[in-house]
Structure formats: C-alpha cells, structure tokens
N, C-alpha and C. Protein backbone atom coordinates (compact mmCIF):
# COMPACT_ATOMS: atom_id res chain seq x y z
N UNK A 1 126.73 111.25 119.86
CA UNK A 1 125.28 111.37 119.55
C UNK A 1 124.78 112.73 120.02
N UNK A 2 124.11 113.45 119.18
CA UNK A 2 123.60 114.77 119.56
C UNK A 2 122.33 114.63 120.39
N UNK A 3 121.94 115.74 121.06
CA UNK A 3 120.76 115.70 121.92
C UNK A 3 119.51 115.26 121.18
N UNK A 4 119.39 115.69 119.93
CA UNK A 4 118.17 115.36 119.20
C UNK A 4 118.08 113.88 118.86
N UNK A 5 119.25 113.17 118.96
CA UNK A 5 119.26 111.74 118.66
C UNK A 5 119.08 110.88 119.90
N UNK A 6 118.96 111.51 121.08
CA UNK A 6 118.80 110.73 122.30
C UNK A 6 117.56 109.85 122.22
N UNK A 7 117.70 108.61 122.69
CA UNK A 7 116.57 107.69 122.73
C UNK A 7 115.73 108.02 123.96
N UNK A 8 114.45 108.30 123.73
CA UNK A 8 113.55 108.64 124.85
C UNK A 8 112.98 107.34 125.45
N UNK A 9 113.18 107.19 126.74
CA UNK A 9 112.79 105.96 127.43
C UNK A 9 111.87 106.28 128.60
N UNK A 10 110.90 105.39 128.82
CA UNK A 10 110.04 105.49 130.01
C UNK A 10 110.13 104.17 130.77
N UNK A 11 110.21 104.24 132.09
CA UNK A 11 110.35 103.04 132.93
C UNK A 11 109.08 102.85 133.77
N UNK A 12 108.49 101.65 133.67
CA UNK A 12 107.26 101.35 134.42
C UNK A 12 107.50 100.14 135.32
N UNK A 13 107.41 100.36 136.62
CA UNK A 13 107.59 99.28 137.59
C UNK A 13 106.95 99.72 138.90
N UNK A 14 106.33 98.79 139.63
CA UNK A 14 105.64 99.19 140.86
C UNK A 14 106.56 99.23 142.08
N UNK A 15 107.83 98.84 141.91
CA UNK A 15 108.77 98.92 143.03
C UNK A 15 109.61 100.19 142.87
N UNK A 16 109.39 101.19 143.73
CA UNK A 16 110.06 102.50 143.56
C UNK A 16 111.58 102.41 143.49
N UNK A 17 112.20 101.60 144.35
CA UNK A 17 113.67 101.54 144.37
C UNK A 17 114.19 100.94 143.06
N UNK A 18 113.55 99.88 142.59
CA UNK A 18 113.97 99.23 141.35
C UNK A 18 113.75 100.20 140.17
N UNK A 19 112.57 100.83 140.14
CA UNK A 19 112.22 101.76 139.07
C UNK A 19 113.24 102.91 139.00
N UNK A 20 113.56 103.47 140.17
CA UNK A 20 114.49 104.60 140.22
C UNK A 20 115.89 104.17 139.80
N UNK A 21 116.29 102.95 140.21
CA UNK A 21 117.63 102.46 139.86
C UNK A 21 117.76 102.26 138.35
N UNK A 22 116.73 101.68 137.72
CA UNK A 22 116.76 101.45 136.27
C UNK A 22 116.78 102.80 135.54
N UNK A 23 115.92 103.73 135.99
CA UNK A 23 115.86 105.05 135.36
C UNK A 23 117.21 105.77 135.50
N UNK A 24 117.85 105.64 136.66
CA UNK A 24 119.14 106.30 136.89
C UNK A 24 120.23 105.69 135.98
N UNK A 25 120.25 104.35 135.88
CA UNK A 25 121.24 103.69 135.02
C UNK A 25 121.08 104.13 133.57
N UNK A 26 119.83 104.23 133.13
CA UNK A 26 119.57 104.64 131.74
C UNK A 26 120.00 106.08 131.51
N UNK A 27 119.64 106.96 132.45
CA UNK A 27 119.99 108.38 132.31
C UNK A 27 121.50 108.58 132.32
N UNK A 28 122.20 107.86 133.20
CA UNK A 28 123.66 108.00 133.29
C UNK A 28 124.36 107.47 132.05
N UNK A 29 123.66 106.59 131.30
CA UNK A 29 124.25 106.02 130.08
C UNK A 29 123.86 106.79 128.83
N UNK A 30 123.20 107.94 129.01
CA UNK A 30 122.92 108.80 127.87
C UNK A 30 121.53 108.70 127.29
N UNK A 31 120.65 107.93 127.92
CA UNK A 31 119.26 107.88 127.45
C UNK A 31 118.49 109.06 128.05
N UNK A 32 117.45 109.47 127.36
CA UNK A 32 116.59 110.54 127.85
C UNK A 32 115.38 109.91 128.53
N UNK A 33 115.41 109.82 129.87
CA UNK A 33 114.30 109.21 130.61
C UNK A 33 113.19 110.26 130.73
N UNK A 34 112.15 110.10 129.92
CA UNK A 34 111.11 111.14 129.83
C UNK A 34 109.99 110.97 130.86
N UNK A 35 109.87 109.77 131.45
CA UNK A 35 108.80 109.56 132.44
C UNK A 35 109.03 108.23 133.15
N UNK A 36 108.39 108.09 134.31
CA UNK A 36 108.32 106.80 135.02
C UNK A 36 106.89 106.66 135.51
N UNK A 37 106.50 105.41 135.84
CA UNK A 37 105.15 105.18 136.37
C UNK A 37 105.18 103.94 137.26
N UNK A 38 104.24 103.90 138.21
CA UNK A 38 104.22 102.80 139.18
C UNK A 38 103.00 101.90 139.08
N UNK A 39 102.02 102.27 138.24
CA UNK A 39 100.88 101.37 138.03
C UNK A 39 100.42 101.47 136.58
N UNK A 40 99.53 100.56 136.20
CA UNK A 40 99.13 100.45 134.80
C UNK A 40 98.42 101.66 134.24
N UNK A 41 97.46 102.21 134.98
CA UNK A 41 96.72 103.39 134.49
C UNK A 41 97.65 104.59 134.32
N UNK A 42 98.49 104.78 135.33
CA UNK A 42 99.46 105.89 135.29
C UNK A 42 100.40 105.71 134.10
N UNK A 43 100.79 104.47 133.82
CA UNK A 43 101.69 104.17 132.71
C UNK A 43 101.07 104.58 131.38
N UNK A 44 99.81 104.24 131.17
CA UNK A 44 99.14 104.57 129.91
C UNK A 44 99.04 106.09 129.75
N UNK A 45 98.60 106.77 130.80
CA UNK A 45 98.45 108.23 130.74
C UNK A 45 99.78 108.92 130.46
N UNK A 46 100.79 108.55 131.22
CA UNK A 46 102.07 109.24 131.10
C UNK A 46 102.78 108.91 129.79
N UNK A 47 102.64 107.69 129.31
CA UNK A 47 103.29 107.31 128.05
C UNK A 47 102.67 108.07 126.88
N UNK A 48 101.35 108.24 126.92
CA UNK A 48 100.70 108.98 125.83
C UNK A 48 101.12 110.46 125.85
N UNK A 49 101.39 110.98 127.04
CA UNK A 49 101.81 112.38 127.16
C UNK A 49 103.30 112.56 126.83
N UNK A 50 104.14 111.60 127.27
CA UNK A 50 105.59 111.76 127.14
C UNK A 50 106.14 111.23 125.81
N UNK A 51 105.37 110.36 125.13
CA UNK A 51 105.76 109.81 123.82
C UNK A 51 107.18 109.25 123.80
N UNK A 52 107.49 108.24 124.64
CA UNK A 52 108.83 107.64 124.61
C UNK A 52 109.04 106.82 123.33
N UNK A 53 110.32 106.59 122.98
CA UNK A 53 110.65 105.68 121.88
C UNK A 53 110.58 104.24 122.38
N UNK A 54 111.04 104.05 123.62
CA UNK A 54 111.07 102.70 124.21
C UNK A 54 110.41 102.74 125.59
N UNK A 55 109.55 101.77 125.82
CA UNK A 55 108.91 101.60 127.13
C UNK A 55 109.52 100.38 127.79
N UNK A 56 110.18 100.58 128.94
CA UNK A 56 110.72 99.45 129.71
C UNK A 56 109.65 99.10 130.73
N UNK A 57 109.03 97.93 130.57
CA UNK A 57 107.77 97.63 131.25
C UNK A 57 107.81 96.35 132.07
N UNK A 58 107.43 96.45 133.35
CA UNK A 58 107.21 95.26 134.17
C UNK A 58 105.81 94.74 133.89
N UNK A 59 105.63 93.42 133.97
CA UNK A 59 104.30 92.86 133.70
C UNK A 59 103.39 92.90 134.92
N UNK A 60 104.00 92.76 136.09
CA UNK A 60 103.21 92.62 137.32
C UNK A 60 102.94 94.00 137.92
N UNK A 61 101.88 94.65 137.44
CA UNK A 61 101.56 96.02 137.87
C UNK A 61 100.21 96.07 138.57
N UNK A 62 100.05 96.96 139.55
CA UNK A 62 98.73 97.17 140.14
C UNK A 62 97.82 97.95 139.19
N UNK A 63 96.53 97.90 139.43
CA UNK A 63 95.47 98.62 138.70
C UNK A 63 95.22 98.02 137.32
N UNK A 64 96.27 97.92 136.51
CA UNK A 64 96.12 97.37 135.16
C UNK A 64 97.37 96.57 134.83
N UNK A 65 97.25 95.30 134.40
CA UNK A 65 98.44 94.47 134.15
C UNK A 65 99.28 94.99 132.98
N UNK A 66 100.56 94.63 133.01
CA UNK A 66 101.50 95.09 132.00
C UNK A 66 101.10 94.74 130.58
N UNK A 67 100.56 93.51 130.38
CA UNK A 67 100.19 93.13 129.01
C UNK A 67 99.08 94.03 128.47
N UNK A 68 98.17 94.46 129.34
CA UNK A 68 97.10 95.35 128.91
C UNK A 68 97.65 96.74 128.58
N UNK A 69 98.61 97.19 129.40
CA UNK A 69 99.28 98.47 129.14
C UNK A 69 99.95 98.42 127.77
N UNK A 70 100.66 97.34 127.52
CA UNK A 70 101.37 97.16 126.25
C UNK A 70 100.39 97.18 125.08
N UNK A 71 99.32 96.41 125.21
CA UNK A 71 98.32 96.31 124.13
C UNK A 71 97.71 97.67 123.81
N UNK A 72 97.35 98.41 124.85
CA UNK A 72 96.72 99.73 124.65
C UNK A 72 97.69 100.72 124.00
N UNK A 73 98.93 100.76 124.51
CA UNK A 73 99.87 101.76 124.02
C UNK A 73 100.36 101.45 122.61
N UNK A 74 100.62 100.18 122.31
CA UNK A 74 101.06 99.81 120.96
C UNK A 74 99.90 99.97 119.98
N UNK A 75 98.68 99.69 120.45
CA UNK A 75 97.50 99.90 119.61
C UNK A 75 97.33 101.37 119.27
N UNK A 76 97.64 102.23 120.23
CA UNK A 76 97.52 103.68 120.04
C UNK A 76 98.67 104.21 119.19
N UNK A 77 99.86 103.61 119.36
CA UNK A 77 101.05 104.06 118.62
C UNK A 77 101.90 102.85 118.23
N UNK A 78 101.66 102.28 117.03
CA UNK A 78 102.39 101.06 116.61
C UNK A 78 103.90 101.25 116.52
N UNK A 79 104.37 102.51 116.47
CA UNK A 79 105.82 102.75 116.38
C UNK A 79 106.51 102.59 117.73
N UNK A 80 105.74 102.54 118.83
CA UNK A 80 106.33 102.40 120.16
C UNK A 80 106.99 101.03 120.30
N UNK A 81 108.21 101.01 120.85
CA UNK A 81 108.90 99.76 121.13
C UNK A 81 108.75 99.45 122.61
N UNK A 82 108.38 98.22 122.93
CA UNK A 82 108.20 97.84 124.34
C UNK A 82 109.18 96.73 124.69
N UNK A 83 110.01 96.98 125.70
CA UNK A 83 110.91 95.97 126.24
C UNK A 83 110.38 95.57 127.61
N UNK A 84 109.90 94.34 127.71
CA UNK A 84 109.42 93.85 129.01
C UNK A 84 110.63 93.48 129.87
N UNK A 85 110.63 93.96 131.10
CA UNK A 85 111.68 93.63 132.06
C UNK A 85 110.97 92.99 133.24
N UNK A 86 111.04 91.65 133.31
CA UNK A 86 110.19 90.93 134.26
C UNK A 86 111.00 89.94 135.09
N UNK A 87 110.47 89.63 136.28
CA UNK A 87 111.08 88.59 137.12
C UNK A 87 110.65 87.21 136.65
N UNK A 88 109.61 87.15 135.82
CA UNK A 88 109.06 85.86 135.38
C UNK A 88 109.64 85.40 134.04
N UNK A 89 110.12 84.16 134.04
CA UNK A 89 110.57 83.57 132.78
C UNK A 89 109.57 82.53 132.28
N UNK A 90 108.36 82.54 132.86
CA UNK A 90 107.33 81.59 132.46
C UNK A 90 107.00 81.78 130.99
N UNK A 91 106.95 80.66 130.25
CA UNK A 91 106.69 80.74 128.81
C UNK A 91 105.37 81.44 128.50
N UNK A 92 104.35 81.17 129.30
CA UNK A 92 103.04 81.80 129.04
C UNK A 92 103.13 83.31 129.15
N UNK A 93 103.91 83.81 130.12
CA UNK A 93 104.06 85.26 130.29
C UNK A 93 104.80 85.87 129.10
N UNK A 94 105.84 85.16 128.65
CA UNK A 94 106.63 85.67 127.52
C UNK A 94 105.75 85.76 126.27
N UNK A 95 105.02 84.69 125.97
CA UNK A 95 104.20 84.66 124.76
C UNK A 95 103.07 85.69 124.83
N UNK A 96 102.48 85.84 126.01
CA UNK A 96 101.40 86.82 126.16
C UNK A 96 101.93 88.24 125.92
N UNK A 97 103.15 88.50 126.41
CA UNK A 97 103.75 89.83 126.23
C UNK A 97 104.01 90.10 124.75
N UNK A 98 104.54 89.11 124.04
CA UNK A 98 104.84 89.29 122.61
C UNK A 98 103.55 89.48 121.82
N UNK A 99 102.53 88.70 122.17
CA UNK A 99 101.25 88.83 121.44
C UNK A 99 100.60 90.19 121.70
N UNK A 100 100.90 90.79 122.85
CA UNK A 100 100.30 92.10 123.16
C UNK A 100 101.09 93.24 122.51
N UNK A 101 102.22 92.91 121.85
CA UNK A 101 102.95 93.93 121.11
C UNK A 101 104.37 94.22 121.58
N UNK A 102 104.86 93.48 122.59
CA UNK A 102 106.22 93.72 123.09
C UNK A 102 107.25 93.34 122.02
N UNK A 103 108.31 94.14 121.93
CA UNK A 103 109.39 93.88 120.97
C UNK A 103 110.39 92.90 121.55
N UNK A 104 110.57 92.94 122.88
CA UNK A 104 111.55 92.07 123.51
C UNK A 104 111.17 91.73 124.94
N UNK A 105 111.93 90.80 125.52
CA UNK A 105 111.61 90.32 126.87
C UNK A 105 112.91 89.97 127.57
N UNK A 106 113.20 90.68 128.66
CA UNK A 106 114.43 90.48 129.41
C UNK A 106 114.09 90.16 130.86
N UNK A 107 114.82 89.22 131.44
CA UNK A 107 114.58 88.91 132.86
C UNK A 107 115.31 89.93 133.74
N UNK A 108 114.76 90.16 134.93
CA UNK A 108 115.35 91.14 135.84
C UNK A 108 116.71 90.69 136.37
N UNK A 109 117.05 89.44 136.13
CA UNK A 109 118.38 88.96 136.53
C UNK A 109 119.47 89.42 135.57
N UNK A 110 119.08 90.09 134.47
CA UNK A 110 120.05 90.60 133.50
C UNK A 110 120.95 91.64 134.14
N UNK A 111 122.18 91.75 133.63
CA UNK A 111 123.11 92.76 134.14
C UNK A 111 122.71 94.14 133.60
N UNK A 112 123.26 95.18 134.22
CA UNK A 112 122.98 96.54 133.75
C UNK A 112 123.41 96.70 132.29
N UNK A 113 124.58 96.14 131.95
CA UNK A 113 125.06 96.24 130.56
C UNK A 113 124.10 95.56 129.59
N UNK A 114 123.59 94.40 129.99
CA UNK A 114 122.63 93.68 129.13
C UNK A 114 121.36 94.51 128.94
N UNK A 115 120.92 95.17 130.01
CA UNK A 115 119.72 96.01 129.91
C UNK A 115 119.95 97.19 128.97
N UNK A 116 121.08 97.86 129.14
CA UNK A 116 121.39 99.04 128.30
C UNK A 116 121.47 98.63 126.83
N UNK A 117 122.13 97.50 126.56
CA UNK A 117 122.23 97.00 125.19
C UNK A 117 120.85 96.64 124.64
N UNK A 118 120.02 96.04 125.51
CA UNK A 118 118.67 95.64 125.08
C UNK A 118 117.82 96.86 124.72
N UNK A 119 117.94 97.94 125.50
CA UNK A 119 117.17 99.16 125.21
C UNK A 119 117.63 99.77 123.88
N UNK A 120 118.96 99.80 123.67
CA UNK A 120 119.48 100.34 122.39
C UNK A 120 118.96 99.53 121.21
N UNK A 121 119.00 98.21 121.33
CA UNK A 121 118.57 97.35 120.23
C UNK A 121 117.06 97.42 120.03
N UNK A 122 116.31 97.50 121.13
CA UNK A 122 114.86 97.62 121.04
C UNK A 122 114.48 98.90 120.30
N UNK A 123 115.23 99.97 120.55
CA UNK A 123 114.92 101.27 119.93
C UNK A 123 114.98 101.21 118.41
N UNK A 124 115.83 100.34 117.86
CA UNK A 124 115.93 100.24 116.39
C UNK A 124 115.10 99.09 115.84
N UNK A 125 114.30 98.44 116.71
CA UNK A 125 113.38 97.43 116.22
C UNK A 125 113.87 96.00 116.30
N UNK A 126 115.06 95.78 116.88
CA UNK A 126 115.54 94.41 117.02
C UNK A 126 114.76 93.70 118.14
N UNK A 127 114.36 92.46 117.90
CA UNK A 127 113.73 91.71 119.00
C UNK A 127 114.82 91.24 119.96
N UNK A 128 114.68 91.53 121.24
CA UNK A 128 115.70 91.18 122.22
C UNK A 128 115.08 90.25 123.25
N UNK A 129 115.66 89.07 123.40
CA UNK A 129 115.11 88.12 124.37
C UNK A 129 116.23 87.55 125.23
N UNK A 130 115.93 87.32 126.51
CA UNK A 130 116.84 86.60 127.37
C UNK A 130 117.14 85.26 126.70
N UNK A 131 118.42 84.82 126.70
CA UNK A 131 118.77 83.56 126.04
C UNK A 131 117.81 82.43 126.41
N UNK A 132 117.40 81.67 125.41
CA UNK A 132 116.48 80.56 125.65
C UNK A 132 115.04 80.91 125.33
N UNK A 133 114.72 82.21 125.33
CA UNK A 133 113.34 82.61 125.07
C UNK A 133 113.10 82.91 123.59
N UNK A 134 114.16 83.27 122.85
CA UNK A 134 113.98 83.62 121.43
C UNK A 134 113.43 82.43 120.64
N UNK A 135 113.97 81.24 120.90
CA UNK A 135 113.50 80.05 120.19
C UNK A 135 112.04 79.75 120.51
N UNK A 136 111.67 79.97 121.76
CA UNK A 136 110.27 79.76 122.17
C UNK A 136 109.34 80.67 121.39
N UNK A 137 109.72 81.94 121.25
CA UNK A 137 108.87 82.91 120.56
C UNK A 137 108.78 82.57 119.07
N UNK A 138 109.92 82.19 118.47
CA UNK A 138 109.90 81.83 117.05
C UNK A 138 109.03 80.59 116.83
N UNK A 139 109.09 79.65 117.78
CA UNK A 139 108.25 78.46 117.68
C UNK A 139 106.77 78.82 117.73
N UNK A 140 106.43 79.82 118.55
CA UNK A 140 105.04 80.25 118.64
C UNK A 140 104.61 80.95 117.36
N UNK A 141 105.51 81.74 116.75
CA UNK A 141 105.19 82.35 115.45
C UNK A 141 104.82 81.25 114.46
N UNK A 142 105.60 80.17 114.47
CA UNK A 142 105.35 79.07 113.51
C UNK A 142 103.99 78.43 113.78
N UNK A 143 103.68 78.24 115.07
CA UNK A 143 102.39 77.63 115.41
C UNK A 143 101.24 78.51 114.94
N UNK A 144 101.37 79.83 115.20
CA UNK A 144 100.33 80.77 114.76
C UNK A 144 100.18 80.74 113.24
N UNK A 145 101.33 80.67 112.57
CA UNK A 145 101.30 80.72 111.10
C UNK A 145 100.65 79.46 110.52
N UNK A 146 100.69 78.35 111.28
CA UNK A 146 100.09 77.12 110.75
C UNK A 146 98.58 77.08 110.97
N UNK A 147 98.07 78.01 111.80
CA UNK A 147 96.62 78.09 112.00
C UNK A 147 95.97 78.72 110.77
N UNK A 148 94.75 78.33 110.44
CA UNK A 148 94.08 78.98 109.31
C UNK A 148 93.94 80.47 109.60
N UNK A 149 94.40 81.29 108.67
CA UNK A 149 94.35 82.75 108.89
C UNK A 149 93.21 83.37 108.11
N UNK A 150 92.40 84.20 108.76
CA UNK A 150 91.31 84.86 108.04
C UNK A 150 91.83 85.75 106.91
N UNK A 151 93.12 86.12 106.98
CA UNK A 151 93.68 87.00 105.96
C UNK A 151 93.75 86.32 104.59
N UNK A 152 93.55 84.99 104.54
CA UNK A 152 93.65 84.31 103.25
C UNK A 152 92.32 84.33 102.49
N UNK A 153 91.55 85.35 102.70
CA UNK A 153 90.28 85.55 102.00
C UNK A 153 90.54 85.71 100.50
N UNK A 154 89.87 84.90 99.63
CA UNK A 154 90.14 84.99 98.19
C UNK A 154 89.80 86.36 97.61
N UNK A 155 88.91 87.11 98.28
CA UNK A 155 88.55 88.44 97.77
C UNK A 155 89.57 89.52 98.17
N UNK A 156 90.49 89.11 99.04
CA UNK A 156 91.50 90.08 99.50
C UNK A 156 92.46 90.38 98.35
N UNK A 157 92.83 91.64 98.15
CA UNK A 157 93.75 91.97 97.06
C UNK A 157 95.08 91.24 97.22
N UNK A 158 95.71 90.89 96.10
CA UNK A 158 97.01 90.23 96.15
C UNK A 158 98.05 91.14 96.81
N UNK A 159 98.92 90.51 97.58
CA UNK A 159 99.98 91.30 98.22
C UNK A 159 100.91 91.86 97.14
N UNK A 160 101.38 93.09 97.33
CA UNK A 160 102.29 93.67 96.35
C UNK A 160 103.59 92.87 96.26
N UNK A 161 104.22 92.93 95.11
CA UNK A 161 105.48 92.21 94.92
C UNK A 161 106.60 92.89 95.70
N UNK A 162 107.44 92.08 96.33
CA UNK A 162 108.61 92.60 97.02
C UNK A 162 109.81 92.45 96.09
N UNK A 163 110.80 93.33 96.26
CA UNK A 163 112.02 93.18 95.48
C UNK A 163 112.78 91.96 95.98
N UNK A 164 113.76 91.53 95.20
CA UNK A 164 114.56 90.36 95.60
C UNK A 164 115.26 90.61 96.93
N UNK A 165 115.81 91.82 97.10
CA UNK A 165 116.51 92.13 98.35
C UNK A 165 115.54 92.21 99.53
N UNK A 166 114.34 92.78 99.33
CA UNK A 166 113.34 92.84 100.40
C UNK A 166 112.94 91.43 100.83
N UNK A 167 112.78 90.54 99.86
CA UNK A 167 112.41 89.15 100.18
C UNK A 167 113.54 88.47 100.96
N UNK A 168 114.78 88.77 100.56
CA UNK A 168 115.95 88.19 101.23
C UNK A 168 116.00 88.64 102.69
N UNK A 169 115.79 89.94 102.91
CA UNK A 169 115.78 90.49 104.28
C UNK A 169 114.64 89.86 105.08
N UNK A 170 113.46 89.75 104.46
CA UNK A 170 112.29 89.19 105.14
C UNK A 170 112.56 87.74 105.55
N UNK A 171 113.23 87.00 104.69
CA UNK A 171 113.54 85.59 105.01
C UNK A 171 114.42 85.50 106.24
N UNK A 172 115.41 86.40 106.35
CA UNK A 172 116.32 86.38 107.51
C UNK A 172 115.63 86.88 108.77
N UNK A 173 114.69 87.83 108.62
CA UNK A 173 113.88 88.28 109.76
C UNK A 173 113.08 87.09 110.30
N UNK A 174 112.52 86.30 109.39
CA UNK A 174 111.70 85.15 109.79
C UNK A 174 112.51 84.09 110.50
N UNK A 175 113.80 84.04 110.21
CA UNK A 175 114.67 83.06 110.86
C UNK A 175 115.11 83.54 112.25
N UNK A 176 114.70 84.77 112.61
CA UNK A 176 114.99 85.27 113.95
C UNK A 176 116.28 86.05 114.07
N UNK A 177 116.91 86.42 112.93
CA UNK A 177 118.15 87.19 112.99
C UNK A 177 117.87 88.64 113.36
N UNK A 178 118.81 89.26 114.07
CA UNK A 178 118.69 90.69 114.39
C UNK A 178 119.06 91.50 113.16
N UNK A 179 118.72 92.79 113.17
CA UNK A 179 119.08 93.65 112.05
C UNK A 179 120.60 93.67 111.85
N UNK A 180 121.34 93.66 112.95
CA UNK A 180 122.81 93.68 112.86
C UNK A 180 123.31 92.41 112.17
N UNK A 181 122.76 91.26 112.55
CA UNK A 181 123.17 89.99 111.93
C UNK A 181 122.81 89.96 110.44
N UNK A 182 121.63 90.50 110.12
CA UNK A 182 121.20 90.55 108.71
C UNK A 182 122.15 91.44 107.91
N UNK A 183 122.52 92.59 108.48
CA UNK A 183 123.43 93.51 107.81
C UNK A 183 124.77 92.83 107.53
N UNK A 184 125.27 92.07 108.52
CA UNK A 184 126.55 91.36 108.35
C UNK A 184 126.42 90.27 107.29
N UNK A 185 125.32 89.53 107.32
CA UNK A 185 125.10 88.42 106.39
C UNK A 185 125.04 88.93 104.95
N UNK A 186 124.36 90.07 104.75
CA UNK A 186 124.15 90.58 103.38
C UNK A 186 125.18 91.65 102.97
N UNK A 187 126.10 91.94 103.90
CA UNK A 187 127.14 92.96 103.68
C UNK A 187 126.51 94.30 103.26
N UNK A 188 125.55 94.74 104.06
CA UNK A 188 124.93 96.05 103.87
C UNK A 188 124.87 96.73 105.23
N UNK A 189 124.52 98.00 105.25
CA UNK A 189 124.51 98.72 106.53
C UNK A 189 123.25 98.39 107.34
N UNK A 190 123.36 98.61 108.65
CA UNK A 190 122.23 98.40 109.56
C UNK A 190 121.04 99.25 109.11
N UNK A 191 121.33 100.52 108.71
CA UNK A 191 120.25 101.42 108.30
C UNK A 191 119.56 100.93 107.03
N UNK A 192 120.34 100.34 106.12
CA UNK A 192 119.75 99.80 104.89
C UNK A 192 118.78 98.66 105.22
N UNK A 193 119.16 97.82 106.17
CA UNK A 193 118.27 96.73 106.60
C UNK A 193 116.97 97.33 107.15
N UNK A 194 117.10 98.34 108.02
CA UNK A 194 115.91 99.00 108.59
C UNK A 194 115.02 99.57 107.48
N UNK A 195 115.65 100.19 106.47
CA UNK A 195 114.87 100.76 105.36
C UNK A 195 114.11 99.69 104.60
N UNK A 196 114.78 98.55 104.36
CA UNK A 196 114.11 97.45 103.64
C UNK A 196 112.91 96.95 104.45
N UNK A 197 113.10 96.82 105.78
CA UNK A 197 112.01 96.33 106.63
C UNK A 197 110.84 97.33 106.63
N UNK A 198 111.17 98.62 106.75
CA UNK A 198 110.11 99.64 106.74
C UNK A 198 109.36 99.65 105.41
N UNK A 199 110.10 99.53 104.30
CA UNK A 199 109.45 99.48 102.98
C UNK A 199 108.54 98.28 102.86
N UNK A 200 109.01 97.14 103.38
CA UNK A 200 108.23 95.90 103.31
C UNK A 200 106.96 96.03 104.16
N UNK A 201 107.10 96.60 105.37
CA UNK A 201 105.92 96.81 106.22
C UNK A 201 104.90 97.67 105.49
N UNK A 202 105.38 98.75 104.84
CA UNK A 202 104.48 99.64 104.11
C UNK A 202 103.78 98.95 102.97
N UNK A 203 104.55 98.18 102.19
CA UNK A 203 103.96 97.49 101.03
C UNK A 203 102.91 96.46 101.45
N UNK A 204 103.19 95.77 102.55
CA UNK A 204 102.29 94.69 102.99
C UNK A 204 101.21 95.19 103.94
N UNK A 205 101.26 96.49 104.26
CA UNK A 205 100.30 97.10 105.18
C UNK A 205 100.29 96.38 106.54
N UNK A 206 101.50 96.09 107.03
CA UNK A 206 101.66 95.48 108.34
C UNK A 206 102.20 96.56 109.29
N UNK A 207 102.07 96.31 110.60
CA UNK A 207 102.40 97.37 111.56
C UNK A 207 103.70 97.17 112.31
N UNK A 208 104.12 95.92 112.49
CA UNK A 208 105.32 95.72 113.29
C UNK A 208 106.00 94.41 112.92
N UNK A 209 107.11 94.16 113.57
CA UNK A 209 107.94 92.99 113.22
C UNK A 209 107.23 91.68 113.54
N UNK A 210 106.40 91.67 114.58
CA UNK A 210 105.65 90.45 114.91
C UNK A 210 104.77 90.04 113.73
N UNK A 211 104.04 90.99 113.16
CA UNK A 211 103.18 90.69 112.02
C UNK A 211 104.02 90.30 110.80
N UNK A 212 105.18 90.94 110.66
CA UNK A 212 106.06 90.65 109.52
C UNK A 212 106.58 89.22 109.58
N UNK A 213 107.00 88.79 110.77
CA UNK A 213 107.50 87.42 110.93
C UNK A 213 106.39 86.42 110.65
N UNK A 214 105.20 86.70 111.14
CA UNK A 214 104.09 85.79 110.88
C UNK A 214 103.81 85.70 109.38
N UNK A 215 103.82 86.83 108.71
CA UNK A 215 103.58 86.85 107.25
C UNK A 215 104.63 85.97 106.54
N UNK A 216 105.90 86.14 106.95
CA UNK A 216 106.98 85.40 106.30
C UNK A 216 106.85 83.90 106.53
N UNK A 217 106.53 83.52 107.77
CA UNK A 217 106.42 82.10 108.09
C UNK A 217 105.22 81.47 107.40
N UNK A 218 104.12 82.23 107.28
CA UNK A 218 102.95 81.72 106.56
C UNK A 218 103.29 81.34 105.13
N UNK A 219 104.29 82.05 104.58
CA UNK A 219 104.70 81.78 103.19
C UNK A 219 105.90 80.87 103.11
N UNK A 220 106.30 80.29 104.26
CA UNK A 220 107.39 79.31 104.26
C UNK A 220 108.78 79.89 104.07
N UNK A 221 108.91 81.22 104.22
CA UNK A 221 110.21 81.82 103.95
C UNK A 221 111.27 81.42 104.98
N UNK A 222 110.84 81.04 106.20
CA UNK A 222 111.80 80.67 107.22
C UNK A 222 112.45 79.32 106.96
N UNK A 223 111.87 78.53 106.07
CA UNK A 223 112.41 77.20 105.79
C UNK A 223 113.33 77.18 104.58
N UNK A 224 113.42 78.33 103.89
CA UNK A 224 114.21 78.33 102.66
C UNK A 224 115.69 78.46 102.93
C-alpha cells in the first residue's frame, strides 16, 4: 500500500495509557494516526482539523459524551466512519451509538488483531460489531422500519429505479452481510460492491449505510 493509500485514523479516549497504546498499535500496523483526543470537545475540534477516515471513539468521555461527538462529526461529514471502542456491551449504548452515526461497535475486550481488522473494515464501510451485537442492531433496524415514517409523504417524488444488480446488493446489505460476503455471494469484486452501494446512496439521496438498511427493510427486501 502506498503512502497516499494509508487509512487516516484518530483515537479518542479519556485514559491516556489506553489511548496511547491503541494509537501505537495502529501506527505500527501501517495506519496513519493523524490525531488523538481525551475529551469530547477536543475530539470534535481535532477531528474537524485532522479529517480522519476512521474515528476510533470511546463513549464515556468527559465534557461531551461520545454519542454527541459522533452525531456532530458525522453530521458535519457523513463520509466519516466511526468505530466505537467501548467497555460497555449494554444494548442501549450500542443502539444509541448506531443511531448517532457509528459504523461499528467493538468491546475493549477485543484482541489487537480484532481491532486492526475492525478499523480496516470500518474504513471501507463495513459494519463491524462484537459477536452478538450485529443481530441486535439489525433487529432495531427492523423495529425502526416498522414505525410510520414521515418519508412516506404522498407528495414526495418517487424513488428512482435501481438496477437489478443494485437491488440485489441492497437486499444483501439489509440482511446484514459485509461487503466482502456480498462480493463472494455475487462473485464480484469488493470494489464493485462498494460502487453499487455508493450509486444506490446517490440515487436514493441517502447518506450512509444505516439509512440504506432502513430503506431496504421498509421495502421488505430483507425478507426476500
């Protein structure tokens, strides 16, 4: 991988030793650690200045909580990927993080290898969850999709038509498959899957995978 392809990562945690250890592991594994921060306000300021590709974020932060940091930064830059790295496996914390824009959620009990793999996958848009949490998040997507959505306004323009392959990819996204699994299932490249997802996001005027999954489930694509 050339220097220009390095994944830019920022680490946010209020424990200096833990923060430094994570940043060191990432740097030694070839990631470009562009910034670190120890509280919520500092995290927002530094992330906007450093423009990381992936934010590795603890939820329990002083000054401003992690979910608020995530919401502000993803709202400011929807292309930012956020991987929550937390000591809490509480379902409410996981769901709140995902609703605020996090791409994935990993417990601090994960191994270094699991963390490095999670950051790589988060960078390309794959949702990464500690085992047992992915099903919980998908279940919440389904619950949200069953709620009456204001988007179903009859005056709203009809959604543009998707190609057969885009619909196929969207259906597998809704089932919770990673881009790699979708590529294997459809016998296409990982990059082709990413391109289909980006095209679909553009056509539907959606901003991220969370919104895409909700759109798909609202239309029953996950049950097909």
